[in-house]
Protein backbone atom coordinates (compact mmCIF):
# COMPACT_ATOMS: atom_id res chain seq x y z
CA MET A 1 100.09 105.79 118.54
CA GLU A 2 100.23 104.25 115.05
CA ILE A 3 100.57 106.46 111.97
CA THR A 4 100.26 105.22 108.40
CA LEU A 5 101.51 107.63 105.74
CA SER A 6 100.86 106.85 102.08
CA ARG A 7 102.01 108.62 98.98
CA VAL A 8 99.79 108.91 95.92
CA GLU A 9 101.14 107.71 92.58
CA GLU A 10 101.69 110.76 90.36
CA LEU A 11 104.09 112.10 87.76
CA THR A 12 105.39 114.88 90.00
CA GLY A 13 108.32 113.75 92.14
CA LYS A 14 108.19 110.23 90.76
CA ALA A 15 111.91 109.67 91.40
CA VAL A 16 111.97 111.40 94.81
CA SER A 17 111.37 110.02 98.28
CA LEU A 18 109.95 112.35 100.92
CA ASP A 19 111.47 112.56 104.39
CA ILE A 20 108.86 112.15 107.14
CA TYR A 21 109.29 114.56 110.05
CA ILE A 22 107.62 113.89 113.38
CA ASN A 23 107.99 116.58 116.03
CA GLY A 24 110.87 118.11 114.05
CA LYS A 25 112.93 114.91 113.59
CA VAL A 26 113.31 112.74 110.49
CA CYS A 27 111.67 109.39 111.23
CA GLY A 28 111.63 107.72 107.82
CA LYS A 29 111.05 108.12 104.09
CA VAL A 30 108.10 107.44 101.86
CA GLY A 31 108.66 106.82 98.16
CA PRO A 32 106.27 107.28 95.26
CA ASN A 33 103.21 105.00 95.37
CA SER A 34 104.21 103.50 98.71
CA GLU A 35 103.17 103.45 102.34
CA MET A 36 105.06 103.76 105.63
CA GLU A 37 103.83 102.69 109.04
CA LEU A 38 105.26 104.45 112.10
CA SER A 39 104.82 103.93 115.80
CA ILE A 40 105.07 107.09 117.92
CA ASP A 41 105.60 107.25 121.68
CA ALA A 42 103.84 110.59 122.19
CA GLU A 43 100.34 111.80 122.97
CA LYS A 44 100.48 114.42 120.20
CA ALA A 45 102.64 114.72 117.12
CA GLU A 46 103.27 117.34 114.44
CA ILE A 47 103.95 115.62 111.12
CA PHE A 48 105.11 116.95 107.75
CA VAL A 49 107.04 115.69 104.72
CA LYS A 50 109.98 117.37 103.02
CA THR A 51 112.50 116.90 100.24
CA ASN A 52 115.30 119.37 99.58
CA TRP A 53 113.71 122.82 100.06
CA CYS A 54 110.14 121.68 99.29
CA GLU A 55 107.78 120.64 102.07
CA SER A 56 104.16 120.11 103.04
CA ASN A 57 101.81 121.67 105.51
CA ARG A 58 102.01 120.45 109.10
CA VAL A 59 99.38 118.10 110.51
CA MET A 60 98.76 117.54 114.23
CA VAL A 61 97.67 114.06 115.29
CA SER A 62 96.70 112.75 118.72
CA SER A 63 95.42 109.28 117.89
CA ASP A 64 96.03 106.50 115.36
CA SER A 65 95.81 108.13 111.94
CA ARG A 66 96.10 107.52 108.21
CA LEU A 67 97.71 110.35 106.25
CA LYS A 68 98.38 110.80 102.56
CA ALA A 69 100.89 113.03 100.79
CA TYR A 70 100.66 114.37 97.26
CA ALA A 71 101.95 117.24 95.11
CA ASN A 72 100.00 120.48 95.35
CA GLY A 73 98.55 121.39 91.94
CA GLY A 74 99.84 118.54 89.81
CA LEU A 75 102.93 118.87 87.65
CA LEU A 76 102.64 122.58 86.78
CA GLY A 77 101.41 123.65 90.20
CA ALA A 78 104.12 121.72 92.03
CA THR A 79 106.80 123.18 89.74
CA PHE A 80 105.53 126.71 90.43
CA ASN A 81 105.27 126.04 94.16
CA SER A 82 108.76 124.53 94.38
CA LEU A 83 110.18 127.73 92.89
CA PHE A 84 108.02 130.40 94.52
CA ARG A 85 106.22 128.78 97.49
CA PRO A 86 108.39 125.83 98.56
CA LYS A 87 106.49 125.28 101.83
CA SER A 88 103.36 124.59 99.74
CA THR A 89 104.81 122.07 97.27
CA TYR A 90 103.24 119.02 98.93
CA VAL A 91 99.93 118.49 100.71
CA LEU A 92 99.65 116.22 103.74
CA GLU A 93 96.11 115.38 104.86
CA LYS A 94 94.20 112.91 106.99
CA GLU A 95 92.32 110.24 105.08
């Protein structure tokens, strides 16, 4: 299964790369305004991104997919989320 994960260009987290987790293991990093292609040897995969204590929602995929990651709520929303709701700092969604 082929997964393409892109990261939107935005002010929030501009100097931070996000770790890509697939089925609980780090499988790569995606930097700001970049894209990462991953090949997975599994029928299903749970994917999320994380940096420090901040992370995204979890997305289940079972076929080739394109995903994008971005900060939840822009600069102010992401700052609030990183302090009070760290598991909601980033959004990961299928394109």
